[in-house]
Amino acid sequence: MKTLILAALCLLLPAQIWAAERVVGVNTYVRKLESWPLDQQGTLGVYWRQNNYGSYKMTLGDIGPGIVECIGAGFGTAAGVRGEGICLFEADGATFTMTWQTNPGDLNTWQIVSGTGRFEGIRGEGTAKSRILSEFTALQHLESTWEGEITRRE
């Protein structure tokens, strides 16, 4: 009986092992940003919200390319920009959700909080930075590079 229990545990344990993986991803999207001044002169800053939609690719890691939508809101003041939101990633019908926070004077942070399909059980965290790719067009493009570590069940 002990041998049978031990054999069953040996078969079940590998399914519960989590593998850590270093990742670097690049989101490229059309920037849709709205903002409203906090006072009539605009000296106190702005409240902003965004809904950026585009694609992502990985430069490191085994996630695969797909589409991404990042939604968020926050405040921009003389002290910097602060805000939070989520990014919804999809590749071949599987999805994962990332939450993010902007940090005045520092890199942004992110956490992967859920996944479906082949991303079931995915978790992760790291940092991100964004830059405008084209300022002088009707549709601005934004690029966000995110890096960190993810874990998944093997």
C-alpha atoms as a PDB file:
ATOM      1  CA  MET A   1       0.000   0.000   0.000  1.00  0.00           C
ATOM      2  CA  LYS A   2       2.834   2.407   0.860  1.00  0.00           C
ATOM      3  CA  THR A   3       4.443   1.696  -2.502  1.00  0.00           C
ATOM      4  CA  LEU A   4       1.190   2.467  -4.307  1.00  0.00           C
ATOM      5  CA  ILE A   5       0.802   5.815  -2.478  1.00  0.00           C
ATOM      6  CA  LEU A   6       4.440   6.726  -3.136  1.00  0.00           C
ATOM      7  CA  ALA A   7       4.060   5.874  -6.836  1.00  0.00           C
ATOM      8  CA  ALA A   8       0.904   8.021  -7.064  1.00  0.00           C
ATOM      9  CA  LEU A   9       2.676  10.980  -5.424  1.00  0.00           C
ATOM     10  CA  CYS A  10       5.602  10.672  -7.832  1.00  0.00           C
ATOM     11  CA  LEU A  11       3.188  10.887 -10.767  1.00  0.00           C
ATOM     12  CA  LEU A  12       1.302  13.888  -9.367  1.00  0.00           C
ATOM     13  CA  LEU A  13       4.224  16.026  -8.166  1.00  0.00           C
ATOM     14  CA  PRO A  14       5.687  16.874 -11.600  1.00  0.00           C
ATOM     15  CA  ALA A  15       2.344  18.416 -12.635  1.00  0.00           C
ATOM     16  CA  GLN A  16       2.629  20.863  -9.747  1.00  0.00           C
ATOM     17  CA  ILE A  17       6.170  22.064 -10.541  1.00  0.00           C
ATOM     18  CA  TRP A  18       6.383  25.724 -11.564  1.00  0.00           C
ATOM     19  CA  ALA A  19       9.071  26.765 -14.027  1.00  0.00           C
ATOM     20  CA  ALA A  20      10.525  30.287 -13.862  1.00  0.00           C
ATOM     21  CA  GLU A  21      11.302  32.028 -17.145  1.00  0.00           C
ATOM     22  CA  ARG A  22      12.863  35.407 -17.930  1.00  0.00           C
ATOM     23  CA  VAL A  23      10.799  37.356 -20.494  1.00  0.00           C
ATOM     24  CA  VAL A  24      11.071  40.547 -22.520  1.00  0.00           C
ATOM     25  CA  GLY A  25       8.073  41.662 -24.567  1.00  0.00           C
ATOM     26  CA  VAL A  26       7.402  44.653 -26.804  1.00  0.00           C
ATOM     27  CA  ASN A  27       3.882  46.041 -27.275  1.00  0.00           C
ATOM     28  CA  THR A  28       3.324  48.355 -30.238  1.00  0.00           C
ATOM     29  CA  TYR A  29      -0.011  50.110 -30.400  1.00  0.00           C
ATOM     30  CA  VAL A  30      -2.037  52.988 -31.706  1.00  0.00           C
ATOM     31  CA  ARG A  31      -2.173  55.452 -28.840  1.00  0.00           C
ATOM     32  CA  LYS A  32      -5.654  56.548 -27.826  1.00  0.00           C
ATOM     33  CA  LEU A  33      -5.245  59.038 -24.991  1.00  0.00           C
ATOM     34  CA  GLU A  34      -7.694  61.551 -23.571  1.00  0.00           C
ATOM     35  CA  SER A  35      -6.957  64.101 -20.843  1.00  0.00           C
ATOM     36  CA  TRP A  36      -8.747  66.790 -18.872  1.00  0.00           C
ATOM     37  CA  PRO A  37      -7.131  69.665 -16.936  1.00  0.00           C
ATOM     38  CA  LEU A  38      -7.548  69.626 -13.162  1.00  0.00           C
ATOM     39  CA  ASP A  39      -8.022  73.405 -13.127  1.00  0.00           C
ATOM     40  CA  GLN A  40      -8.907  76.068 -15.710  1.00  0.00           C
ATOM     41  CA  GLN A  41      -5.290  77.101 -16.254  1.00  0.00           C
ATOM     42  CA  GLY A  42      -4.001  73.538 -16.415  1.00  0.00           C
ATOM     43  CA  THR A  43      -1.309  74.309 -13.819  1.00  0.00           C
ATOM     44  CA  LEU A  44      -2.403  71.542 -11.417  1.00  0.00           C
ATOM     45  CA  GLY A  45      -2.002  68.854 -14.058  1.00  0.00           C
ATOM     46  CA  VAL A  46      -4.408  66.539 -15.843  1.00  0.00           C
ATOM     47  CA  TYR A  47      -6.501  63.465 -15.381  1.00  0.00           C
ATOM     48  CA  TRP A  48      -5.890  61.019 -18.258  1.00  0.00           C
ATOM     49  CA  ARG A  49      -7.268  57.761 -19.583  1.00  0.00           C
ATOM     50  CA  GLN A  50      -6.065  55.527 -22.364  1.00  0.00           C
ATOM     51  CA  ASN A  51      -7.200  52.581 -24.436  1.00  0.00           C
ATOM     52  CA  ASN A  52      -4.295  51.467 -26.592  1.00  0.00           C
ATOM     53  CA  TYR A  53      -4.730  48.566 -29.032  1.00  0.00           C
ATOM     54  CA  GLY A  54      -2.088  46.764 -31.063  1.00  0.00           C
ATOM     55  CA  SER A  55       0.226  43.770 -31.096  1.00  0.00           C
ATOM     56  CA  TYR A  56       3.027  42.309 -29.023  1.00  0.00           C
ATOM     57  CA  LYS A  57       6.069  40.183 -29.725  1.00  0.00           C
ATOM     58  CA  MET A  58       8.587  38.584 -27.432  1.00  0.00           C
ATOM     59  CA  THR A  59      12.303  39.268 -27.744  1.00  0.00           C
ATOM     60  CA  LEU A  60      13.009  36.817 -24.902  1.00  0.00           C
ATOM     61  CA  GLY A  61      10.771  34.028 -23.665  1.00  0.00           C
ATOM     62  CA  ASP A  62       8.436  31.427 -25.050  1.00  0.00           C
ATOM     63  CA  ILE A  63       5.059  33.196 -25.075  1.00  0.00           C
ATOM     64  CA  GLY A  64       4.613  33.829 -28.801  1.00  0.00           C
ATOM     65  CA  PRO A  65       3.261  36.933 -30.604  1.00  0.00           C
ATOM     66  CA  GLY A  66      -0.329  38.146 -30.479  1.00  0.00           C
ATOM     67  CA  ILE A  67      -2.638  41.094 -29.941  1.00  0.00           C
ATOM     68  CA  VAL A  68      -2.819  43.353 -26.886  1.00  0.00           C
ATOM     69  CA  GLU A  69      -5.160  45.995 -25.512  1.00  0.00           C
ATOM     70  CA  CYS A  70      -4.021  48.211 -22.610  1.00  0.00           C
ATOM     71  CA  ILE A  71      -6.569  50.254 -20.687  1.00  0.00           C
ATOM     72  CA  GLY A  72      -5.847  52.608 -17.798  1.00  0.00           C
ATOM     73  CA  ALA A  73      -6.202  55.983 -16.141  1.00  0.00           C
ATOM     74  CA  GLY A  74      -4.434  58.305 -13.729  1.00  0.00           C
ATOM     75  CA  PHE A  75      -3.054  61.774 -13.069  1.00  0.00           C
ATOM     76  CA  GLY A  76      -0.223  63.771 -14.602  1.00  0.00           C
ATOM     77  CA  THR A  77       1.221  66.528 -12.420  1.00  0.00           C
ATOM     78  CA  ALA A  78       4.497  68.415 -12.043  1.00  0.00           C
ATOM     79  CA  ALA A  79       5.624  65.531  -9.782  1.00  0.00           C
ATOM     80  CA  GLY A  80       5.164  63.012 -12.600  1.00  0.00           C
ATOM     81  CA  VAL A  81       2.611  60.616 -14.014  1.00  0.00           C
ATOM     82  CA  ARG A  82       0.806  58.087 -11.864  1.00  0.00           C
ATOM     83  CA  GLY A  83      -1.889  55.644 -12.854  1.00  0.00           C
ATOM     84  CA  GLU A  84      -2.848  52.028 -13.241  1.00  0.00           C
ATOM     85  CA  GLY A  85      -4.657  49.696 -15.583  1.00  0.00           C
ATOM     86  CA  ILE A  86      -4.662  46.330 -17.282  1.00  0.00           C
ATOM     87  CA  CYS A  87      -3.367  44.811 -20.495  1.00  0.00           C
ATOM     88  CA  LEU A  88      -5.245  41.958 -22.142  1.00  0.00           C
ATOM     89  CA  PHE A  89      -3.021  39.702 -24.273  1.00  0.00           C
ATOM     90  CA  GLU A  90      -4.293  37.104 -26.758  1.00  0.00           C
ATOM     91  CA  ALA A  91      -2.454  34.544 -28.867  1.00  0.00           C
ATOM     92  CA  ASP A  92      -4.205  31.744 -30.768  1.00  0.00           C
ATOM     93  CA  GLY A  93      -7.293  31.869 -28.538  1.00  0.00           C
ATOM     94  CA  ALA A  94      -5.349  31.767 -25.245  1.00  0.00           C
ATOM     95  CA  THR A  95      -5.228  34.888 -23.068  1.00  0.00           C
ATOM     96  CA  PHE A  96      -3.411  36.382 -20.114  1.00  0.00           C
ATOM     97  CA  THR A  97      -4.100  39.520 -18.096  1.00  0.00           C
ATOM     98  CA  MET A  98      -1.437  41.904 -16.821  1.00  0.00           C
ATOM     99  CA  THR A  99      -2.049  44.708 -14.328  1.00  0.00           C
ATOM    100  CA  TRP A 100       0.293  47.713 -14.427  1.00  0.00           C
ATOM    101  CA  GLN A 101       1.160  50.808 -12.426  1.00  0.00           C
ATOM    102  CA  THR A 102       3.014  53.978 -13.422  1.00  0.00           C
ATOM    103  CA  ASN A 103       5.512  55.221 -10.861  1.00  0.00           C
ATOM    104  CA  PRO A 104       6.644  58.880 -10.978  1.00  0.00           C
ATOM    105  CA  GLY A 105      10.403  59.066 -11.464  1.00  0.00           C
ATOM    106  CA  ASP A 106      10.782  55.280 -11.755  1.00  0.00           C
ATOM    107  CA  LEU A 107      10.052  52.413 -14.139  1.00  0.00           C
ATOM    108  CA  ASN A 108       6.480  51.221 -14.414  1.00  0.00           C
ATOM    109  CA  THR A 109       5.655  47.874 -12.792  1.00  0.00           C
ATOM    110  CA  TRP A 110       3.451  44.991 -13.949  1.00  0.00           C
ATOM    111  CA  GLN A 111       2.034  41.713 -12.679  1.00  0.00           C
ATOM    112  CA  ILE A 112       0.479  38.875 -14.696  1.00  0.00           C
ATOM    113  CA  VAL A 113      -2.534  37.801 -12.663  1.00  0.00           C
ATOM    114  CA  SER A 114      -4.435  35.245 -14.772  1.00  0.00           C
ATOM    115  CA  GLY A 115      -4.466  33.220 -17.960  1.00  0.00           C
ATOM    116  CA  THR A 116      -6.589  30.872 -20.051  1.00  0.00           C
ATOM    117  CA  GLY A 117      -5.797  28.031 -22.438  1.00  0.00           C
ATOM    118  CA  ARG A 118      -2.071  27.433 -22.701  1.00  0.00           C
ATOM    119  CA  PHE A 119      -1.559  30.395 -20.314  1.00  0.00           C
ATOM    120  CA  GLU A 120      -3.632  28.771 -17.548  1.00  0.00           C
ATOM    121  CA  GLY A 121      -1.816  29.286 -14.227  1.00  0.00           C
ATOM    122  CA  ILE A 122       0.679  31.854 -15.580  1.00  0.00           C
ATOM    123  CA  ARG A 123       1.955  34.456 -13.099  1.00  0.00           C
ATOM    124  CA  GLY A 124       4.714  37.036 -13.300  1.00  0.00           C
ATOM    125  CA  GLU A 125       6.057  40.456 -12.454  1.00  0.00           C
ATOM    126  CA  GLY A 126       8.552  42.984 -13.681  1.00  0.00           C
ATOM    127  CA  THR A 127       9.117  46.488 -14.986  1.00  0.00           C
ATOM    128  CA  ALA A 128       8.183  48.378 -18.140  1.00  0.00           C
ATOM    129  CA  LYS A 129       8.939  51.577 -20.001  1.00  0.00           C
ATOM    130  CA  SER A 130       7.066  53.244 -22.849  1.00  0.00           C
ATOM    131  CA  ARG A 131       7.951  55.689 -25.576  1.00  0.00           C
ATOM    132  CA  ILE A 132       6.057  57.484 -28.316  1.00  0.00           C
ATOM    133  CA  LEU A 133       7.138  56.244 -31.751  1.00  0.00           C
ATOM    134  CA  SER A 134       5.425  58.925 -33.835  1.00  0.00           C
ATOM    135  CA  GLU A 135       4.355  62.259 -32.372  1.00  0.00           C
ATOM    136  CA  PHE A 136       3.477  64.122 -35.538  1.00  0.00           C
ATOM    137  CA  THR A 137       0.801  61.925 -37.092  1.00  0.00           C
ATOM    138  CA  ALA A 138      -2.978  61.835 -36.682  1.00  0.00           C
ATOM    139  CA  LEU A 139      -2.642  58.449 -34.967  1.00  0.00           C
ATOM    140  CA  GLN A 140       0.237  58.372 -32.500  1.00  0.00           C
ATOM    141  CA  HIS A 141       2.006  55.060 -31.997  1.00  0.00           C
ATOM    142  CA  LEU A 142       3.359  53.947 -28.641  1.00  0.00           C
ATOM    143  CA  GLU A 143       5.853  51.210 -27.816  1.00  0.00           C
ATOM    144  CA  SER A 144       6.093  49.587 -24.382  1.00  0.00           C
ATOM    145  CA  THR A 145       8.906  47.222 -23.463  1.00  0.00           C
ATOM    146  CA  TRP A 146       8.200  44.986 -20.481  1.00  0.00           C
ATOM    147  CA  GLU A 147      10.605  42.606 -18.828  1.00  0.00           C
ATOM    148  CA  GLY A 148      10.646  40.394 -15.785  1.00  0.00           C
ATOM    149  CA  GLU A 149       9.998  36.828 -14.783  1.00  0.00           C
ATOM    150  CA  ILE A 150       6.999  34.563 -15.279  1.00  0.00           C
ATOM    151  CA  THR A 151       6.142  31.192 -13.802  1.00  0.00           C
ATOM    152  CA  ARG A 152       3.994  28.489 -15.358  1.00  0.00           C
ATOM    153  CA  ARG A 153       3.083  24.933 -14.542  1.00  0.00           C
ATOM    154  CA  GLU A 154       5.088  22.399 -16.489  1.00  0.00           C
END
